[in-house]
Structure formats: C-alpha cells, structure tokens
C-alpha cells in the first residue's frame, strides 16, 4: 500500500462511495443501479492493489495460493469500507486479517471484524462475540433502513396521489371552461345568424323603398308633363 498511494486513495474513495450508495438506497434516495455501479467501481479500484500484492507475494519465486490472495482481497475490501482501519492497512502494519461483515452490495454496510491468524480457540470466542455484536448492528441498521425506505416510499405515494388529485381538478376545470367557451361560441354563432337575417331583411326593404321612390318619381314626371300639355292646349 505504501508503494501504491494513488491506488490506495482511489480505493478509499470508491469504498466511501459504495457505503454512501448503500445508505442512500436504504433511505429511499438512491437506486440499485447506482449501488451496482459503486460496487463495480470499488472492485476496479481494488484490482491494481491486488495485483501489487500478488507481485510481492510471488517476489521470492514461490507460487502464491488463491487462499492467500483471497484473504488479501478481503482485507483490502474491508479497509475500503471502514475508514478506522485504513491507516494500518495503508502503512503496512496489518497484523490481523480483516473481513467485511454485512449484506454486500444488496444491503447496508456493516462493521468490519478482525480475525487473528493463530489461536483457534480464542478466534472462535472472539468471532462469536464479534459476530453477535455485528449481527445486532446489522439488524438495527437494516431495521432503520427499512423504516426509512418505507417512509420515503409512503411519501412518494402521497406526493403522487396529490399530483393526481391536482391533475384531476385541473382536467375538470379545463372541461368546464371548454363547455362554457363552446356555449359562448354557439350563442355567438346564433346571434351572428340572426344579425345576418336582419341585415338581409333591411337590405330587401331598402331595395323595395328605392323601387317605390323611382316609381313615384316617374309618376310625378308624367303628371307634370300632362299638366303642361293641358295648359298649352287651352
């Protein structure tokens, strides 16, 4: 880790993001796609450090076992998820193997438990005690997470119902306004038709009056001509 400071920083950042994605998912503020992406990024950040560890373990020409590599990988993964143990891992002072106890990428992050390399009986006792404490911690965090998720889900349902009710009210108002506008348009069309008929009648009456006025003028002209003829004959 001391020879790979940048890779270590990348792993710590990826681990913090993975823990954050887990917590956001349980709080109802994140999705499983974000969680899977964070888990993938953490695995990718762990790969160069695991390669470096493989090189150190095989530096003497001896073959390294997959079990040893798996323990190294597990310790690095645990350190990525727990800032409290990173200092020792980064400085190469890790005296005990670390193991992440939790639900992986599908649930909340849990505590990190250390396991000594020797002393089987002591290990079993510490493992049982630590497992019990970790189990309680995981159960409590799971319960809190489920409660937060239920609250967030209920809030989303309530918000959706409120939006649906508002949309329904808006639709009713729009339909009422549409009916009113249609009624107004119909009344306007009827009024326009009535006005057009009145105008047609008035035009016909004016035409008829003009006809009578011409006839009267012609009659007057004829009467005046007759009068002049009578005067001239007398």
Protein backbone atom coordinates (compact mmCIF):
# COMPACT_ATOMS: atom_id res chain seq x y z
CA UNK A 1 0.00 0.00 0.00
CA UNK A 2 2.90 2.38 0.74
CA UNK A 3 4.19 1.81 -2.80
CA UNK A 4 0.75 2.46 -4.30
CA UNK A 5 -0.51 5.66 -2.60
CA UNK A 6 -2.62 6.81 -5.53
CA UNK A 7 -4.26 3.41 -5.95
CA UNK A 8 -4.96 3.36 -2.20
CA UNK A 9 -6.62 6.77 -2.37
CA UNK A 10 -8.73 5.61 -5.30
CA UNK A 11 -9.81 2.53 -3.33
CA UNK A 12 -10.73 4.58 -0.24
CA UNK A 13 -12.78 6.98 -2.38
CA UNK A 14 -14.53 4.06 -4.11
CA UNK A 15 -15.25 2.46 -0.74
CA UNK A 16 -16.76 5.69 0.62
CA UNK A 17 -18.95 5.95 -2.47
CA UNK A 18 -20.10 2.34 -2.08
CA UNK A 19 -21.04 2.91 1.57
CA UNK A 20 -22.88 6.09 0.58
CA UNK A 21 -24.76 4.30 -2.20
CA UNK A 22 -25.84 1.59 0.25
CA UNK A 23 -27.08 4.14 2.75
CA UNK A 24 -28.91 6.16 0.09
CA UNK A 25 -30.64 3.01 -1.17
CA UNK A 26 -31.91 2.11 2.29
CA UNK A 27 -33.03 5.69 2.88
CA UNK A 28 -35.06 5.61 -0.33
CA UNK A 29 -32.94 8.29 -2.03
CA UNK A 30 -30.98 6.04 -4.39
CA UNK A 31 -31.43 3.13 -6.76
CA UNK A 32 -29.92 -0.31 -7.24
CA UNK A 33 -28.27 0.80 -10.47
CA UNK A 34 -26.24 3.38 -8.52
CA UNK A 35 -25.34 0.72 -5.96
CA UNK A 36 -24.19 -1.72 -8.62
CA UNK A 37 -22.13 0.99 -10.31
CA UNK A 38 -20.46 1.88 -6.99
CA UNK A 39 -19.69 -1.80 -6.28
CA UNK A 40 -18.15 -2.19 -9.74
CA UNK A 41 -16.03 0.92 -9.24
CA UNK A 42 -14.82 -0.40 -5.87
CA UNK A 43 -13.81 -3.73 -7.41
CA UNK A 44 -11.99 -1.95 -10.22
CA UNK A 45 -10.14 0.27 -7.73
CA UNK A 46 -9.15 -2.81 -5.71
CA UNK A 47 -7.69 -4.66 -8.72
CA UNK A 48 -4.34 -2.79 -9.05
CA UNK A 49 -3.62 -3.17 -5.32
CA UNK A 50 -4.41 -6.86 -5.52
CA UNK A 51 -2.03 -7.18 -8.47
CA UNK A 52 0.67 -5.40 -6.49
CA UNK A 53 0.10 -7.73 -3.54
CA UNK A 54 0.34 -10.74 -5.86
CA UNK A 55 3.67 -9.43 -7.11
CA UNK A 56 5.01 -9.05 -3.57
CA UNK A 57 3.85 -12.50 -2.52
CA UNK A 58 5.45 -14.12 -5.57
CA UNK A 59 8.59 -11.98 -5.47
CA UNK A 60 10.66 -14.76 -3.92
CA UNK A 61 9.84 -17.13 -6.78
CA UNK A 62 7.33 -19.18 -4.77
CA UNK A 63 3.78 -19.74 -6.00
CA UNK A 64 1.09 -17.87 -4.13
CA UNK A 65 -2.10 -19.66 -3.13
CA UNK A 66 -5.52 -18.43 -4.10
CA UNK A 67 -6.47 -18.60 -0.43
CA UNK A 68 -3.77 -16.09 0.49
CA UNK A 69 -4.84 -13.78 -2.32
CA UNK A 70 -8.47 -14.10 -1.26
CA UNK A 71 -7.51 -13.07 2.29
CA UNK A 72 -5.60 -10.06 0.97
CA UNK A 73 -8.55 -9.08 -1.21
CA UNK A 74 -10.96 -9.46 1.68
CA UNK A 75 -8.78 -7.31 3.94
CA UNK A 76 -8.48 -4.57 1.29
CA UNK A 77 -12.24 -4.64 0.71
CA UNK A 78 -12.88 -4.37 4.46
CA UNK A 79 -10.46 -1.45 4.75
CA UNK A 80 -12.17 0.30 1.83
CA UNK A 81 -15.47 0.20 3.71
CA UNK A 82 -14.13 1.16 7.15
CA UNK A 83 -12.04 4.35 7.47
CA UNK A 84 -10.97 3.39 11.02
CA UNK A 85 -8.75 0.55 9.83
CA UNK A 86 -7.34 2.19 6.71
CA UNK A 87 -4.34 3.78 8.42
CA UNK A 88 -2.87 0.46 9.48
CA UNK A 89 -3.55 -1.11 6.10
CA UNK A 90 -2.04 1.83 4.20
CA UNK A 91 1.07 1.77 6.39
CA UNK A 92 1.53 -1.98 6.01
CA UNK A 93 1.05 -2.60 9.72
CA UNK A 94 -1.88 -5.00 9.42
CA UNK A 95 -1.33 -7.75 11.96
CA UNK A 96 -4.70 -9.42 11.58
CA UNK A 97 -6.84 -10.30 8.66
CA UNK A 98 -9.93 -8.19 8.15
CA UNK A 99 -13.29 -9.33 6.96
CA UNK A 100 -16.27 -7.21 5.99
CA UNK A 101 -19.42 -8.36 7.77
CA UNK A 102 -22.57 -7.13 6.05
CA UNK A 103 -25.01 -7.70 3.26
CA UNK A 104 -22.67 -6.93 0.40
CA UNK A 105 -23.93 -4.71 -2.36
CA UNK A 106 -27.58 -5.53 -1.73
CA UNK A 107 -27.89 -4.01 1.75
CA UNK A 108 -26.44 -1.66 4.32
CA UNK A 109 -22.75 -1.53 5.22
CA UNK A 110 -21.91 -3.27 8.48
CA UNK A 111 -18.93 -3.27 10.80
CA UNK A 112 -15.50 -4.70 9.96
CA UNK A 113 -14.28 -7.56 12.12
CA UNK A 114 -10.63 -8.54 12.64
CA UNK A 115 -9.56 -12.15 12.85
CA UNK A 116 -6.19 -13.23 14.23
CA UNK A 117 -4.05 -15.70 12.28
CA UNK A 118 -3.39 -18.00 15.28
CA UNK A 119 -5.17 -19.20 18.41
CA UNK A 120 -8.13 -21.14 17.13
CA UNK A 121 -10.00 -21.21 20.42
CA UNK A 122 -9.50 -17.52 21.07
CA UNK A 123 -10.51 -16.82 17.48
CA UNK A 124 -13.74 -18.76 17.87
CA UNK A 125 -14.63 -16.91 21.07
CA UNK A 126 -13.82 -13.52 19.59
CA UNK A 127 -15.61 -14.46 16.40
CA UNK A 128 -18.76 -15.45 18.27
CA UNK A 129 -18.75 -12.25 20.35
CA UNK A 130 -17.90 -10.08 17.41
CA UNK A 131 -20.45 -11.84 15.22
CA UNK A 132 -23.14 -11.27 17.81
CA UNK A 133 -22.29 -7.57 18.07
CA UNK A 134 -22.04 -7.25 14.31
CA UNK A 135 -25.32 -9.12 13.89
CA UNK A 136 -27.06 -6.71 16.25
CA UNK A 137 -25.52 -3.77 14.42
CA UNK A 138 -26.57 -5.14 11.04
CA UNK A 139 -30.09 -5.94 12.27
CA UNK A 140 -30.53 -2.49 13.78
CA UNK A 141 -29.24 -0.76 10.67
CA UNK A 142 -31.37 -2.96 8.45
CA UNK A 143 -34.45 -2.14 10.53
CA UNK A 144 -33.66 1.58 10.45
CA UNK A 145 -33.03 1.35 6.72
CA UNK A 146 -36.30 -0.47 6.07
CA UNK A 147 -38.18 2.07 8.18
CA UNK A 148 -36.61 4.96 6.29
CA UNK A 149 -37.31 3.24 2.99
CA UNK A 150 -40.96 2.69 3.95
CA UNK A 151 -41.32 6.34 4.99
CA UNK A 152 -39.73 7.52 1.76
CA UNK A 153 -41.95 5.19 -0.30
CA UNK A 154 -45.07 6.36 1.56
CA UNK A 155 -44.09 9.97 0.95
CA UNK A 156 -43.65 9.27 -2.75
CA UNK A 157 -47.08 7.60 -2.85
CA UNK A 158 -48.67 10.57 -1.04
CA UNK A 159 -46.98 13.01 -3.41
CA UNK A 160 -48.16 11.01 -6.43
CA UNK A 161 -51.72 10.95 -5.08
CA UNK A 162 -51.60 14.71 -4.51
CA UNK A 163 -50.36 15.30 -8.03
CA UNK A 164 -53.06 13.01 -9.42
CA UNK A 165 -55.77 14.87 -7.48
CA UNK A 166 -54.44 18.22 -8.69
CA UNK A 167 -54.34 16.93 -12.27
CA UNK A 168 -57.93 15.65 -11.95
CA UNK A 169 -59.10 19.03 -10.63
CA UNK A 170 -57.28 20.78 -13.46
CA UNK A 171 -58.93 18.49 -16.00
CA UNK A 172 -62.38 19.19 -14.56
CA UNK A 173 -61.74 22.94 -14.67
CA UNK A 174 -60.46 22.72 -18.24
CA UNK A 175 -63.54 20.71 -19.35
CA UNK A 176 -65.88 23.21 -17.67
CA UNK A 177 -64.11 26.11 -19.35
CA UNK A 178 -64.26 24.28 -22.67
CA UNK A 179 -68.02 23.71 -22.33
CA UNK A 180 -68.52 27.36 -21.39
CA UNK A 181 -66.47 28.52 -24.36
CA UNK A 182 -68.39 26.19 -26.67
CA UNK A 183 -71.69 27.52 -25.33
CA UNK A 184 -70.50 31.08 -25.84
CA UNK A 185 -69.36 30.28 -29.35
CA UNK A 186 -72.72 28.67 -30.13
CA UNK A 187 -74.58 31.72 -28.81
CA UNK A 188 -72.30 33.98 -30.85
CA UNK A 189 -72.99 31.95 -33.98
CA UNK A 190 -76.75 32.16 -33.38
CA UNK A 191 -76.52 35.91 -32.77
CA UNK A 192 -74.46 36.31 -35.92
CA UNK A 193 -77.06 34.35 -37.91
CA UNK A 194 -79.86 36.50 -36.51
CA UNK A 195 -77.94 39.69 -37.31
CA UNK A 196 -77.30 38.46 -40.83
CA UNK A 197 -81.01 37.74 -41.35
CA UNK A 198 -81.90 41.19 -40.00
CA UNK A 199 -79.37 42.74 -42.36
CA UNK A 200 -80.82 40.81 -45.28
CA UNK A 201 -84.33 41.99 -44.42
CA UNK A 202 -83.17 45.57 -44.07
CA UNK A 203 -81.38 45.36 -47.42
CA UNK A 204 -84.53 44.00 -49.08
CA UNK A 205 -86.66 46.73 -47.50
CA UNK A 206 -84.23 49.41 -48.68
CA UNK A 207 -84.30 47.97 -52.19
CA UNK A 208 -88.10 47.95 -52.18
CA UNK A 209 -88.23 51.51 -50.91
CA UNK A 210 -85.88 52.60 -53.66
CA UNK A 211 -88.11 50.91 -56.21
CA UNK A 212 -91.20 52.77 -54.85
CA UNK A 213 -89.31 56.05 -54.83
CA UNK A 214 -88.38 55.62 -58.52
CA UNK A 215 -91.96 54.70 -59.40
CA UNK A 216 -93.26 57.74 -57.54
CA UNK A 217 -90.75 59.99 -59.30
CA UNK A 218 -91.77 58.59 -62.70
CA UNK A 219 -95.44 59.14 -61.87
CA UNK A 220 -94.71 62.72 -60.81
CA UNK A 221 -92.81 63.40 -64.01
CA UNK A 222 -95.74 62.03 -66.07
CA UNK A 223 -98.27 64.13 -64.16
CA UNK A 224 -96.26 67.30 -64.63
CA UNK A 225 -95.92 66.58 -68.36
CA UNK A 226 -99.67 66.08 -68.65
CA UNK A 227 -100.27 69.32 -66.81
CA UNK A 228 -98.01 71.23 -69.16
CA UNK A 229 -99.76 69.74 -72.19
CA UNK A 230 -103.16 70.74 -70.83
CA UNK A 231 -102.05 74.31 -70.27
CA UNK A 232 -100.63 74.64 -73.71
CA UNK A 233 -103.83 73.30 -75.32
CA UNK A 234 -106.03 75.78 -73.52
